């Protein structure tokens, strides 16, 4: 038996309840990997595959089905032989028998009294209070069965990822808090990145393509819900896009494509057929368990190439218990600050002229200006980075703030200066790449992150100017977050965080206009001891928020 694993089967502790989130010690450059095997307890074939992958390979976490055919074998035979194997609850809504009394979950069952198969119907079910109530009953029955059998859970996920449906995800988060669980699965996956271009096209031809797109869309909403409940989620996930493709080469390519942070890798190792498996919930389950890909995934986890890669590239394998214990994830304070009528009037009265070579102010730019005003007082100094047309700086100047407006584009600086004169205010305008040419200290540094792959120039600003006149793009820009845009935003925030302490007064703060989908990723740029909260405003569009953080003062 291999040694060196931390026991994942420890009693969970209750989450903390502070209103601000203090960021843990995980730096953006540190990379952790959790190798997870689903369907523990479903069949003897999966149980034995998981046992072999733990003892002879890199598997460090699994998740248990309370309604699986081989559930007793999993908890009475396999678990005692695998000390240190992390255990999660693999909650089931769409396969096998229910654990709750059938009359209490009748909406979830088919005519045979089994959990109804599929995904689409659960989307509709989750929109009703009666449907959610029965889902909660079944979830509780499964969780409490495992706890009563002495299983010490360290994370929650679900069979076929149904928990990612946002109302179900919020329910799971609430239950996780109640049962003292620190982590939930977030199925957010980068595009398939393995092999040749021909192989990279293959996942797009699989029947799962609609589901994969849907899960990534749900992840944008679910990540913030997890933060609000103070639960840890990994940054990335590898598994759905890699269905039936998880060779060791494909897995290594997938890990290489992961830019930072923690990734959960999902596999389904099995040793099949197993003669003890005499009951299958569906013929498709038998075909799945005995498919050659299950043996391939077991070989992948056992491969010396994988072990060598992890050591060479400094990936740190661990289970959810060990990983979440290194993170301090507090319930994230989210609130909508009051906006005084005179602030709204000042923002709405700004007249702007925007030449086509400067990216124009969007509808939510005035809302962001109001948020900045809500966090400052007359006479305080404010730095408006990426000022563009100057709408925020001009609004703040009208409200009596001492404002410096900066932008990397000299054309934008000239536009902001001209708009300030047009509106009868004087502001200091500086051409600067973030803080490079900025002097002095401020009570607040505000930054409206630019949507793009790199610094704006006249060509990109003109493109934005034109594209934003298309209603569909104006309504939906930023809802999709390509990895290159996210990484660019991370780099900007990392640079800003390094230089901000030298430009902030005592008690000063930084306020970003950011997308909800990137809040967690951007927070990783903040040092230990920083605090963060999200500011909401009805005028912010495309699921954007004000991300307010305070850094340890120099």
Protein backbone atom coordinates (compact mmCIF):
# COMPACT_ATOMS: atom_id res chain seq x y z
CA UNK A 1 0.00 0.00 0.00
CA UNK A 2 1.40 3.38 -0.93
CA UNK A 3 1.99 5.92 1.77
CA UNK A 4 2.05 9.69 2.04
CA UNK A 5 -1.66 10.32 1.50
CA UNK A 6 -3.66 12.49 3.86
CA UNK A 7 -6.75 10.79 5.19
CA UNK A 8 -9.68 12.22 3.27
CA UNK A 9 -12.22 10.49 5.51
CA UNK A 10 -12.14 12.95 8.41
CA UNK A 11 -15.03 14.62 10.09
CA UNK A 12 -16.09 17.80 8.29
CA UNK A 13 -16.05 21.05 10.19
CA UNK A 14 -18.57 23.85 10.03
CA UNK A 15 -17.76 26.70 7.64
CA UNK A 16 -16.87 30.09 9.01
CA UNK A 17 -19.34 32.94 8.94
CA UNK A 18 -17.36 36.18 8.55
CA UNK A 19 -18.97 38.67 6.18
CA UNK A 20 -15.79 39.35 4.20
CA UNK A 21 -13.69 36.84 2.36
CA UNK A 22 -10.08 36.56 3.50
CA UNK A 23 -8.04 34.98 0.78
CA UNK A 24 -5.96 31.93 1.52
CA UNK A 25 -2.30 31.35 0.77
CA UNK A 26 -2.73 29.82 -2.69
CA UNK A 27 -0.75 31.86 -5.20
CA UNK A 28 -1.81 32.01 -8.89
CA UNK A 29 1.31 30.08 -9.92
CA UNK A 30 0.64 27.07 -7.65
CA UNK A 31 -1.18 24.24 -9.42
CA UNK A 32 -3.10 21.49 -7.69
CA UNK A 33 -4.79 18.48 -9.26
CA UNK A 34 -7.53 16.27 -7.82
CA UNK A 35 -7.92 12.95 -9.65
CA UNK A 36 -11.52 11.95 -9.05
CA UNK A 37 -13.32 8.70 -9.91
CA UNK A 38 -17.09 8.90 -10.20
CA UNK A 39 -19.61 6.09 -9.65
CA UNK A 40 -18.06 4.53 -6.54
CA UNK A 41 -20.60 1.98 -5.33
CA UNK A 42 -22.46 1.80 -8.63
CA UNK A 43 -21.01 -1.61 -9.57
CA UNK A 44 -18.35 -4.01 -8.34
CA UNK A 45 -16.47 -3.23 -11.57
CA UNK A 46 -16.13 0.45 -10.63
CA UNK A 47 -15.25 -0.36 -7.03
CA UNK A 48 -12.37 -2.61 -8.05
CA UNK A 49 -11.16 -0.12 -10.66
CA UNK A 50 -11.11 2.61 -8.03
CA UNK A 51 -9.25 0.40 -5.56
CA UNK A 52 -6.60 -0.44 -8.16
CA UNK A 53 -6.26 3.18 -9.32
CA UNK A 54 -5.72 4.31 -5.72
CA UNK A 55 -3.13 1.69 -4.78
CA UNK A 56 -1.28 1.53 -8.10
CA UNK A 57 -1.90 4.96 -9.62
CA UNK A 58 -2.64 8.62 -8.96
CA UNK A 59 -6.28 8.44 -7.90
CA UNK A 60 -6.81 10.44 -4.69
CA UNK A 61 -10.57 11.09 -4.58
CA UNK A 62 -13.84 9.41 -5.43
CA UNK A 63 -17.56 9.95 -4.90
CA UNK A 64 -20.14 7.51 -3.64
CA UNK A 65 -23.62 6.66 -4.92
CA UNK A 66 -25.98 5.92 -2.06
CA UNK A 67 -28.29 3.99 -4.40
CA UNK A 68 -25.58 1.96 -6.18
CA UNK A 69 -25.83 -1.82 -6.58
CA UNK A 70 -22.39 -2.27 -4.95
CA UNK A 71 -22.80 0.39 -2.24
CA UNK A 72 -22.26 -2.03 0.67
CA UNK A 73 -19.15 -3.47 -0.97
CA UNK A 74 -17.81 0.07 -1.46
CA UNK A 75 -18.12 1.12 2.18
CA UNK A 76 -17.44 -2.22 3.87
CA UNK A 77 -14.65 -3.65 1.71
CA UNK A 78 -13.02 -1.03 -0.51
CA UNK A 79 -12.99 2.03 1.78
CA UNK A 80 -11.27 0.31 4.72
CA UNK A 81 -8.54 -0.83 2.32
CA UNK A 82 -7.93 2.70 0.96
CA UNK A 83 -6.99 5.00 3.86
CA UNK A 84 -6.54 8.54 2.60
CA UNK A 85 -8.94 8.22 -0.33
CA UNK A 86 -11.12 11.32 -0.31
CA UNK A 87 -14.86 10.60 -0.42
CA UNK A 88 -17.59 12.82 -1.81
CA UNK A 89 -21.35 12.38 -2.15
CA UNK A 90 -22.28 11.58 -5.75
CA UNK A 91 -25.91 12.66 -5.48
CA UNK A 92 -28.30 10.99 -7.93
CA UNK A 93 -31.57 12.27 -9.38
CA UNK A 94 -31.80 10.43 -12.67
CA UNK A 95 -30.83 6.77 -12.33
CA UNK A 96 -31.58 3.84 -10.07
CA UNK A 97 -33.93 3.55 -7.07
CA UNK A 98 -34.66 6.51 -4.79
CA UNK A 99 -33.43 6.46 -1.21
CA UNK A 100 -36.34 8.55 0.11
CA UNK A 101 -39.79 7.02 0.41
CA UNK A 102 -41.30 6.88 -3.05
CA UNK A 103 -44.46 8.77 -2.09
CA UNK A 104 -42.31 11.72 -0.94
CA UNK A 105 -40.44 12.05 -4.26
CA UNK A 106 -43.11 10.97 -6.74
CA UNK A 107 -42.31 13.83 -9.14
CA UNK A 108 -38.80 12.41 -9.64
CA UNK A 109 -39.87 8.87 -10.54
CA UNK A 110 -40.90 7.01 -13.67
CA UNK A 111 -43.71 4.48 -13.89
CA UNK A 112 -41.48 1.73 -12.52
CA UNK A 113 -40.72 3.70 -9.36
CA UNK A 114 -37.09 4.42 -10.32
CA UNK A 115 -35.49 7.85 -10.66
CA UNK A 116 -36.39 9.22 -14.07
CA UNK A 117 -33.47 9.25 -16.49
CA UNK A 118 -32.32 12.32 -18.41
CA UNK A 119 -31.25 15.92 -17.85
CA UNK A 120 -33.70 18.18 -19.67
CA UNK A 121 -36.69 17.38 -17.47
CA UNK A 122 -34.72 18.34 -14.37
CA UNK A 123 -34.18 21.84 -15.75
CA UNK A 124 -37.95 22.31 -15.75
CA UNK A 125 -38.40 20.51 -12.42
CA UNK A 126 -35.88 22.82 -10.74
CA UNK A 127 -37.92 25.89 -11.70
CA UNK A 128 -40.81 24.86 -9.43
CA UNK A 129 -40.91 25.04 -5.66
CA UNK A 130 -42.60 21.63 -5.45
CA UNK A 131 -39.94 20.06 -7.66
CA UNK A 132 -37.09 21.58 -5.68
CA UNK A 133 -38.68 20.44 -2.44
CA UNK A 134 -38.68 16.82 -3.63
CA UNK A 135 -35.13 17.12 -4.93
CA UNK A 136 -34.09 18.30 -1.46
CA UNK A 137 -35.87 15.37 0.16
CA UNK A 138 -33.99 12.89 -2.04
CA UNK A 139 -30.64 14.65 -1.60
CA UNK A 140 -31.05 14.62 2.18
CA UNK A 141 -31.97 10.95 2.19
CA UNK A 142 -28.84 10.05 0.21
CA UNK A 143 -26.53 12.23 2.32
CA UNK A 144 -27.91 10.97 5.60
CA UNK A 145 -27.67 7.34 4.50
CA UNK A 146 -23.95 7.78 3.85
CA UNK A 147 -23.38 9.66 7.10
CA UNK A 148 -25.30 7.04 9.08
CA UNK A 149 -22.99 4.39 7.60
CA UNK A 150 -19.96 6.27 8.91
CA UNK A 151 -18.79 7.72 5.60
CA UNK A 152 -16.92 10.99 6.14
CA UNK A 153 -17.68 13.21 3.17
CA UNK A 154 -15.44 16.02 1.96
CA UNK A 155 -17.28 17.29 -1.14
CA UNK A 156 -20.55 17.15 -3.07
CA UNK A 157 -21.21 16.55 -6.76
CA UNK A 158 -23.87 14.71 -8.76
CA UNK A 159 -24.46 11.95 -11.25
CA UNK A 160 -24.29 13.28 -14.81
CA UNK A 161 -23.65 16.80 -13.42
CA UNK A 162 -27.32 17.60 -12.79
CA UNK A 163 -26.33 19.70 -9.77
CA UNK A 164 -24.99 22.33 -12.16
CA UNK A 165 -28.56 23.40 -13.00
CA UNK A 166 -28.48 26.71 -11.07
CA UNK A 167 -31.47 26.21 -8.71
CA UNK A 168 -30.20 22.71 -7.89
CA UNK A 169 -26.66 24.06 -7.42
CA UNK A 170 -27.89 26.66 -4.93
CA UNK A 171 -29.77 23.93 -3.09
CA UNK A 172 -26.64 21.77 -2.99
CA UNK A 173 -24.61 24.71 -1.65
CA UNK A 174 -27.14 25.27 1.11
CA UNK A 175 -27.02 21.60 2.06
CA UNK A 176 -23.23 21.62 1.95
CA UNK A 177 -23.17 24.47 4.46
CA UNK A 178 -25.67 22.67 6.66
CA UNK A 179 -23.76 19.37 6.65
CA UNK A 180 -20.34 20.97 7.08
CA UNK A 181 -19.04 20.22 3.58
CA UNK A 182 -16.38 22.63 2.30
CA UNK A 183 -16.25 21.88 -1.44
CA UNK A 184 -18.64 21.36 -4.35
CA UNK A 185 -17.82 20.41 -7.91
CA UNK A 186 -17.86 23.18 -10.51
CA UNK A 187 -17.96 21.66 -13.99
CA UNK A 188 -16.15 24.43 -15.86
CA UNK A 189 -14.03 23.02 -18.64
CA UNK A 190 -11.64 24.47 -21.19
CA UNK A 191 -11.89 23.37 -24.83
CA UNK A 192 -10.49 19.94 -25.60
CA UNK A 193 -6.75 20.47 -26.10
CA UNK A 194 -5.31 17.04 -26.87
CA UNK A 195 -3.62 15.72 -29.99
CA UNK A 196 -3.98 16.92 -33.55
CA UNK A 197 -6.61 19.34 -34.82
CA UNK A 198 -8.52 16.37 -36.15
CA UNK A 199 -8.69 14.85 -32.67
CA UNK A 200 -9.64 18.21 -31.21
CA UNK A 201 -12.69 18.31 -33.45
CA UNK A 202 -13.89 14.91 -32.23
CA UNK A 203 -15.50 16.11 -28.96
CA UNK A 204 -17.61 18.57 -30.95
CA UNK A 205 -19.10 15.62 -32.80
CA UNK A 206 -20.09 13.75 -29.63
CA UNK A 207 -23.70 13.68 -28.49
CA UNK A 208 -22.68 15.54 -25.29
CA UNK A 209 -21.86 18.79 -27.07
CA UNK A 210 -25.06 20.62 -26.08
CA UNK A 211 -24.67 19.50 -22.48
CA UNK A 212 -21.02 20.61 -22.38
CA UNK A 213 -21.90 24.07 -23.61
CA UNK A 214 -24.77 24.27 -21.13
CA UNK A 215 -22.59 23.22 -18.18
CA UNK A 216 -20.02 25.91 -18.94
CA UNK A 217 -22.80 28.48 -19.18
CA UNK A 218 -24.20 27.34 -15.82
CA UNK A 219 -20.71 27.51 -14.28
CA UNK A 220 -20.70 31.30 -14.62
CA UNK A 221 -23.74 31.50 -12.34
CA UNK A 222 -22.82 28.64 -10.03
CA UNK A 223 -19.33 29.88 -9.18
CA UNK A 224 -20.68 33.02 -7.57
CA UNK A 225 -23.33 31.01 -5.69
CA UNK A 226 -20.57 28.84 -4.21
CA UNK A 227 -18.69 31.95 -3.15
CA UNK A 228 -21.76 33.38 -1.47
CA UNK A 229 -22.06 30.19 0.58
CA UNK A 230 -18.34 30.19 1.39
CA UNK A 231 -17.64 26.94 -0.50
CA UNK A 232 -14.48 26.04 -2.38
CA UNK A 233 -14.60 25.15 -6.08
CA UNK A 234 -11.72 24.19 -8.33
CA UNK A 235 -10.71 26.64 -11.04
CA UNK A 236 -11.03 24.14 -13.88
CA UNK A 237 -12.40 20.71 -14.65
CA UNK A 238 -11.27 18.03 -17.11
CA UNK A 239 -13.68 15.28 -17.96
CA UNK A 240 -16.82 16.04 -19.95
CA UNK A 241 -14.98 17.24 -23.05
CA UNK A 242 -12.66 14.25 -22.70
CA UNK A 243 -15.39 11.60 -22.57
CA UNK A 244 -14.04 8.39 -24.17
CA UNK A 245 -10.76 10.20 -24.94
CA UNK A 246 -8.90 10.01 -21.61
CA UNK A 247 -5.63 8.42 -22.68
CA UNK A 248 -2.51 9.43 -20.81
CA UNK A 249 -1.45 11.66 -23.73
CA UNK A 250 -4.84 13.40 -23.79
CA UNK A 251 -4.76 13.94 -20.03
CA UNK A 252 -1.27 15.44 -20.13
CA UNK A 253 -2.32 17.79 -22.93
CA UNK A 254 -5.36 18.81 -20.90
CA UNK A 255 -3.23 19.60 -17.85
CA UNK A 256 -0.77 21.58 -19.97
CA UNK A 257 -3.66 23.70 -21.26
CA UNK A 258 -4.77 24.60 -17.71
CA UNK A 259 -3.27 28.03 -17.03
CA UNK A 260 -3.30 28.20 -13.23
CA UNK A 261 -4.87 27.12 -9.99
CA UNK A 262 -6.64 23.84 -9.21
CA UNK A 263 -8.13 21.36 -11.64
CA UNK A 264 -10.38 18.37 -10.96
CA UNK A 265 -9.79 15.50 -13.40
CA UNK A 266 -12.76 13.15 -13.72
CA UNK A 267 -12.27 9.52 -14.72
CA UNK A 268 -14.31 6.30 -14.50
CA UNK A 269 -11.76 3.48 -14.04
CA UNK A 270 -13.31 0.00 -13.95
CA UNK A 271 -12.27 -3.63 -14.08
CA UNK A 272 -15.10 -5.21 -16.03
CA UNK A 273 -17.00 -7.36 -16.47
CA UNK A 274 -17.22 -8.42 -12.84
CA UNK A 275 -19.29 -11.60 -12.24
CA UNK A 276 -20.73 -10.10 -9.04
CA UNK A 277 -22.51 -7.39 -11.06
CA UNK A 278 -25.86 -9.10 -11.55
CA UNK A 279 -28.05 -6.02 -11.69
CA UNK A 280 -27.75 -2.94 -13.89
CA UNK A 281 -30.16 0.03 -13.70
CA UNK A 282 -30.08 0.19 -17.49
CA UNK A 283 -28.43 -1.78 -20.34
CA UNK A 284 -26.45 1.37 -21.18
CA UNK A 285 -24.74 1.20 -17.78
CA UNK A 286 -23.46 -2.31 -18.53
CA UNK A 287 -22.13 -1.15 -21.90
CA UNK A 288 -20.48 1.85 -20.26
CA UNK A 289 -18.82 -0.18 -17.50
CA UNK A 290 -17.43 -2.77 -19.92
CA UNK A 291 -16.31 -0.31 -22.62
CA UNK A 292 -12.62 -0.33 -23.45
CA UNK A 293 -12.36 3.30 -22.33
CA UNK A 294 -12.82 2.25 -18.67
CA UNK A 295 -9.71 0.07 -18.84
CA UNK A 296 -7.90 2.86 -20.69
CA UNK A 297 -8.67 5.32 -17.90
CA UNK A 298 -7.32 2.87 -15.33
CA UNK A 299 -4.12 2.53 -17.38
CA UNK A 300 -3.88 6.32 -17.55
CA UNK A 301 -3.99 6.65 -13.77
CA UNK A 302 -1.38 3.91 -13.39
CA UNK A 303 0.92 5.28 -16.09
CA UNK A 304 4.52 6.16 -15.08
CA UNK A 305 4.32 8.96 -17.66
CA UNK A 306 1.60 10.64 -15.59
CA UNK A 307 3.62 10.37 -12.38
CA UNK A 308 6.73 11.73 -14.10
CA UNK A 309 4.78 14.62 -15.62
CA UNK A 310 3.26 15.65 -12.29
CA UNK A 311 6.69 15.70 -10.63
CA UNK A 312 8.39 17.51 -13.52
CA UNK A 313 5.70 20.17 -13.97
CA UNK A 314 5.23 20.67 -10.20
CA UNK A 315 1.57 19.65 -10.09
CA UNK A 316 0.55 18.80 -6.53
CA UNK A 317 -1.98 15.90 -6.37
CA UNK A 318 -4.35 15.92 -3.40
CA UNK A 319 -7.91 15.19 -2.40
CA UNK A 320 -10.63 17.70 -1.55
CA UNK A 321 -10.02 17.45 2.19
CA UNK A 322 -6.34 18.39 1.91
CA UNK A 323 -6.95 21.04 -0.74
CA UNK A 324 -9.85 22.79 0.96
CA UNK A 325 -7.97 22.83 4.28
CA UNK A 326 -5.36 25.06 2.60
CA UNK A 327 -7.99 27.54 1.50
CA UNK A 328 -9.81 30.01 3.68
CA UNK A 329 -13.11 30.50 1.89
CA UNK A 330 -15.47 32.78 3.73
CA UNK A 331 -19.03 33.57 2.69
CA UNK A 332 -18.60 36.46 0.29
CA UNK A 333 -20.33 39.65 1.29
CA UNK A 334 -22.51 40.83 -1.57
CA UNK A 335 -24.70 43.89 -1.26
CA UNK A 336 -26.25 46.75 -3.21
CA UNK A 337 -25.09 50.08 -1.79
CA UNK A 338 -27.64 52.90 -1.72
CA UNK A 339 -27.19 55.51 -4.45
CA UNK A 340 -28.26 59.03 -3.54
CA UNK A 341 -30.59 60.83 -6.01
CA UNK A 342 -28.07 63.61 -6.63
CA UNK A 343 -25.47 60.98 -7.59
CA UNK A 344 -27.83 59.42 -10.13
CA UNK A 345 -28.65 62.86 -11.51
CA UNK A 346 -24.98 63.77 -11.88
CA UNK A 347 -24.19 60.52 -13.74
CA UNK A 348 -27.17 60.74 -16.08
CA UNK A 349 -26.49 64.39 -16.98
CA UNK A 350 -23.01 63.77 -18.42
CA UNK A 351 -22.79 64.61 -22.14
CA UNK A 352 -20.19 62.61 -24.04
CA UNK A 353 -18.60 62.78 -27.45
CA UNK A 354 -16.85 59.60 -28.56
CA UNK A 355 -14.78 59.45 -31.77
CA UNK A 356 -14.79 56.02 -33.46
CA UNK A 357 -11.18 55.35 -32.50
CA UNK A 358 -12.03 55.39 -28.78
CA UNK A 359 -14.13 52.65 -27.22
CA UNK A 360 -17.38 54.34 -26.22
CA UNK A 361 -18.98 54.24 -22.79
CA UNK A 362 -21.52 51.46 -22.32
CA UNK A 363 -24.85 51.68 -20.55
CA UNK A 364 -23.36 50.36 -17.32
CA UNK A 365 -20.46 52.85 -17.31
CA UNK A 366 -22.65 55.41 -15.56
CA UNK A 367 -23.77 52.74 -13.07
CA UNK A 368 -20.13 51.98 -12.31
CA UNK A 369 -19.52 55.71 -11.77
CA UNK A 370 -22.37 55.69 -9.25
CA UNK A 371 -20.77 52.73 -7.44
CA UNK A 372 -17.48 54.61 -7.21
CA UNK A 373 -19.31 57.61 -5.76
CA UNK A 374 -21.03 55.36 -3.20
CA UNK A 375 -17.63 54.29 -1.87
CA UNK A 376 -16.09 57.78 -1.64
CA UNK A 377 -16.79 61.17 -0.12
CA UNK A 378 -16.40 64.74 -1.47
CA UNK A 379 -12.81 65.85 -1.26
CA UNK A 380 -11.33 62.34 -1.46
CA UNK A 381 -8.88 61.45 -4.21
CA UNK A 382 -9.93 58.90 -6.85
CA UNK A 383 -7.87 57.38 -9.66
CA UNK A 384 -9.94 56.30 -12.67
CA UNK A 385 -7.85 53.79 -14.65
CA UNK A 386 -8.96 53.04 -18.20
CA UNK A 387 -11.06 56.18 -18.24
CA UNK A 388 -12.03 55.93 -21.93
CA UNK A 389 -14.51 58.70 -22.60
CA UNK A 390 -14.05 59.95 -19.03
CA UNK A 391 -17.65 59.30 -17.95
CA UNK A 392 -16.74 58.06 -14.46
CA UNK A 393 -14.09 60.72 -13.83
CA UNK A 394 -16.41 63.52 -14.95
CA UNK A 395 -19.27 62.25 -12.78
CA UNK A 396 -16.98 62.09 -9.75
CA UNK A 397 -15.54 65.54 -10.41
CA UNK A 398 -19.08 66.95 -10.50
CA UNK A 399 -19.68 65.31 -7.14
CA UNK A 400 -16.67 67.01 -5.56
CA UNK A 401 -14.07 64.26 -5.75
CA UNK A 402 -10.45 65.04 -6.60
CA UNK A 403 -10.03 62.89 -9.73
CA UNK A 404 -7.11 61.71 -11.84
CA UNK A 405 -8.16 60.01 -15.09
CA UNK A 406 -5.71 57.73 -16.89
CA UNK A 407 -5.72 55.50 -19.94
CA UNK A 408 -3.13 53.57 -21.92
CA UNK A 409 -4.36 55.25 -25.13
CA UNK A 410 -3.44 58.87 -25.62
CA UNK A 411 -6.53 59.24 -27.86
CA UNK A 412 -8.74 58.20 -24.94
CA UNK A 413 -6.97 60.67 -22.64
CA UNK A 414 -7.60 63.46 -25.15
CA UNK A 415 -11.25 62.42 -25.45
CA UNK A 416 -11.71 62.39 -21.67
CA UNK A 417 -10.09 65.82 -21.37
CA UNK A 418 -12.37 67.24 -24.09
CA UNK A 419 -15.47 65.69 -22.51
CA UNK A 420 -14.51 67.16 -19.13
CA UNK A 421 -14.34 70.62 -20.68
CA UNK A 422 -17.66 69.98 -22.45
CA UNK A 423 -19.24 69.24 -19.07
CA UNK A 424 -17.64 72.16 -17.27
CA UNK A 425 -15.22 70.31 -14.98
CA UNK A 426 -11.46 70.07 -14.79
CA UNK A 427 -9.75 66.75 -14.20
CA UNK A 428 -6.13 65.71 -14.39
CA UNK A 429 -5.69 63.37 -17.36
CA UNK A 430 -2.62 61.15 -17.70
CA UNK A 431 -1.50 58.66 -20.34
CA UNK A 432 -0.41 55.64 -18.33
CA UNK A 433 -0.24 51.87 -18.51
CA UNK A 434 -1.99 51.12 -15.21
CA UNK A 435 0.14 52.83 -12.52
CA UNK A 436 3.32 53.41 -14.53
CA UNK A 437 2.98 57.20 -14.81
CA UNK A 438 0.84 57.82 -11.74
CA UNK A 439 2.11 59.76 -8.74
CA UNK A 440 0.58 60.40 -5.34
CA UNK A 441 -1.86 58.44 -3.20
CA UNK A 442 -5.60 57.91 -3.49
CA UNK A 443 -8.54 56.88 -1.36
CA UNK A 444 -9.92 54.70 -4.16
CA UNK A 445 -8.49 53.26 -7.37
CA UNK A 446 -11.23 52.37 -9.87
CA UNK A 447 -10.62 50.21 -12.94
CA UNK A 448 -13.17 49.21 -15.58
CA UNK A 449 -11.46 46.11 -17.00
CA UNK A 450 -11.26 46.24 -20.82
CA UNK A 451 -12.81 43.29 -22.64
CA UNK A 452 -10.09 42.05 -24.96
CA UNK A 453 -7.04 39.88 -25.43
CA UNK A 454 -4.50 42.63 -24.82
CA UNK A 455 -4.11 46.38 -24.33
CA UNK A 456 -6.49 48.48 -26.40
CA UNK A 457 -5.21 50.36 -29.40
CA UNK A 458 -6.94 52.41 -32.07
CA UNK A 459 -7.80 49.31 -34.13
CA UNK A 460 -9.36 47.35 -31.25
CA UNK A 461 -11.17 50.42 -29.94
CA UNK A 462 -12.65 51.04 -33.40
CA UNK A 463 -13.75 47.39 -33.62
CA UNK A 464 -15.50 47.63 -30.25
CA UNK A 465 -17.07 50.92 -31.28
CA UNK A 466 -18.62 49.25 -34.35
CA UNK A 467 -19.52 45.87 -32.86
CA UNK A 468 -21.30 47.35 -29.85
CA UNK A 469 -23.82 48.92 -32.18
CA UNK A 470 -25.13 45.42 -32.88
CA UNK A 471 -27.89 44.84 -30.27
CA UNK A 472 -27.08 41.15 -29.70
CA UNK A 473 -23.41 41.90 -29.03
CA UNK A 474 -24.21 44.90 -26.86
CA UNK A 475 -26.54 42.77 -24.72
CA UNK A 476 -24.27 39.74 -24.46
CA UNK A 477 -20.68 40.98 -24.64
CA UNK A 478 -18.69 39.54 -21.79
CA UNK A 479 -21.05 36.70 -20.94
CA UNK A 480 -18.59 34.39 -22.66
CA UNK A 481 -15.14 34.55 -21.08
CA UNK A 482 -12.46 33.11 -23.39
CA UNK A 483 -9.40 31.86 -21.56
CA UNK A 484 -7.18 34.47 -23.24
CA UNK A 485 -9.42 37.31 -22.01
CA UNK A 486 -9.50 35.87 -18.51
CA UNK A 487 -5.74 35.48 -18.43
CA UNK A 488 -5.27 39.07 -19.67
CA UNK A 489 -7.54 40.31 -16.88
CA UNK A 490 -5.59 38.24 -14.37
CA UNK A 491 -2.33 39.78 -15.55
CA UNK A 492 -3.77 43.29 -15.24
CA UNK A 493 -5.03 42.67 -11.72
CA UNK A 494 -1.76 41.02 -10.67
CA UNK A 495 0.15 44.10 -11.85
CA UNK A 496 -2.34 46.45 -10.22
CA UNK A 497 -2.13 44.59 -6.90
CA UNK A 498 1.66 44.79 -6.89
CA UNK A 499 1.69 48.55 -7.35
CA UNK A 500 -1.49 49.65 -5.58
CA UNK A 501 -0.23 49.71 -1.97
CA UNK A 502 2.23 52.48 -2.86
CA UNK A 503 -0.66 54.57 -4.24
CA UNK A 504 -3.35 54.00 -1.61
CA UNK A 505 -3.99 56.05 1.50
CA UNK A 506 -4.57 54.20 4.76
CA UNK A 507 -7.96 52.50 4.49
CA UNK A 508 -7.96 52.93 0.71
CA UNK A 509 -9.49 50.37 -1.64
CA UNK A 510 -9.56 49.17 -5.24
CA UNK A 511 -12.84 48.82 -7.14
CA UNK A 512 -12.99 46.76 -10.33
CA UNK A 513 -15.84 46.58 -12.81
CA UNK A 514 -15.66 42.82 -13.47
CA UNK A 515 -17.75 39.93 -14.75
CA UNK A 516 -19.25 37.58 -12.15
CA UNK A 517 -17.72 34.65 -14.05
CA UNK A 518 -14.16 35.87 -13.36
CA UNK A 519 -14.42 37.01 -9.74
CA UNK A 520 -12.86 33.86 -8.28
CA UNK A 521 -10.04 33.85 -10.81
CA UNK A 522 -9.21 37.51 -10.23
CA UNK A 523 -9.35 37.03 -6.47
CA UNK A 524 -6.42 34.64 -6.73
CA UNK A 525 -4.21 37.61 -7.57
CA UNK A 526 -4.84 39.10 -4.13
CA UNK A 527 -2.41 38.45 -1.27
CA UNK A 528 -3.20 36.80 2.05
CA UNK A 529 -4.90 39.29 4.33
CA UNK A 530 -6.81 41.04 1.56
CA UNK A 531 -10.58 41.31 1.95
CA UNK A 532 -13.13 41.43 -0.84
CA UNK A 533 -16.82 42.10 -1.32
CA UNK A 534 -19.06 42.45 -4.35
CA UNK A 535 -21.15 45.55 -5.01
CA UNK A 536 -24.36 45.10 -7.00
CA UNK A 537 -26.17 47.76 -8.99
CA UNK A 538 -29.34 47.39 -11.03
CA UNK A 539 -27.73 49.35 -13.86
CA UNK A 540 -24.83 46.93 -14.31
CA UNK A 541 -25.45 44.70 -17.33
CA UNK A 542 -24.16 41.37 -18.64
CA UNK A 543 -23.75 39.99 -15.11
CA UNK A 544 -21.07 42.46 -14.07
CA UNK A 545 -20.38 43.56 -10.52
CA UNK A 546 -18.22 45.96 -8.58
CA UNK A 547 -15.37 43.94 -7.06
CA UNK A 548 -14.15 45.96 -4.06
CA UNK A 549 -11.02 44.83 -2.24
CA UNK A 550 -8.68 46.19 0.37
CA UNK A 551 -5.02 45.22 0.45
CA UNK A 552 -2.74 44.90 3.47
CA UNK A 553 -1.34 48.42 3.90
CA UNK A 554 2.41 48.92 3.54
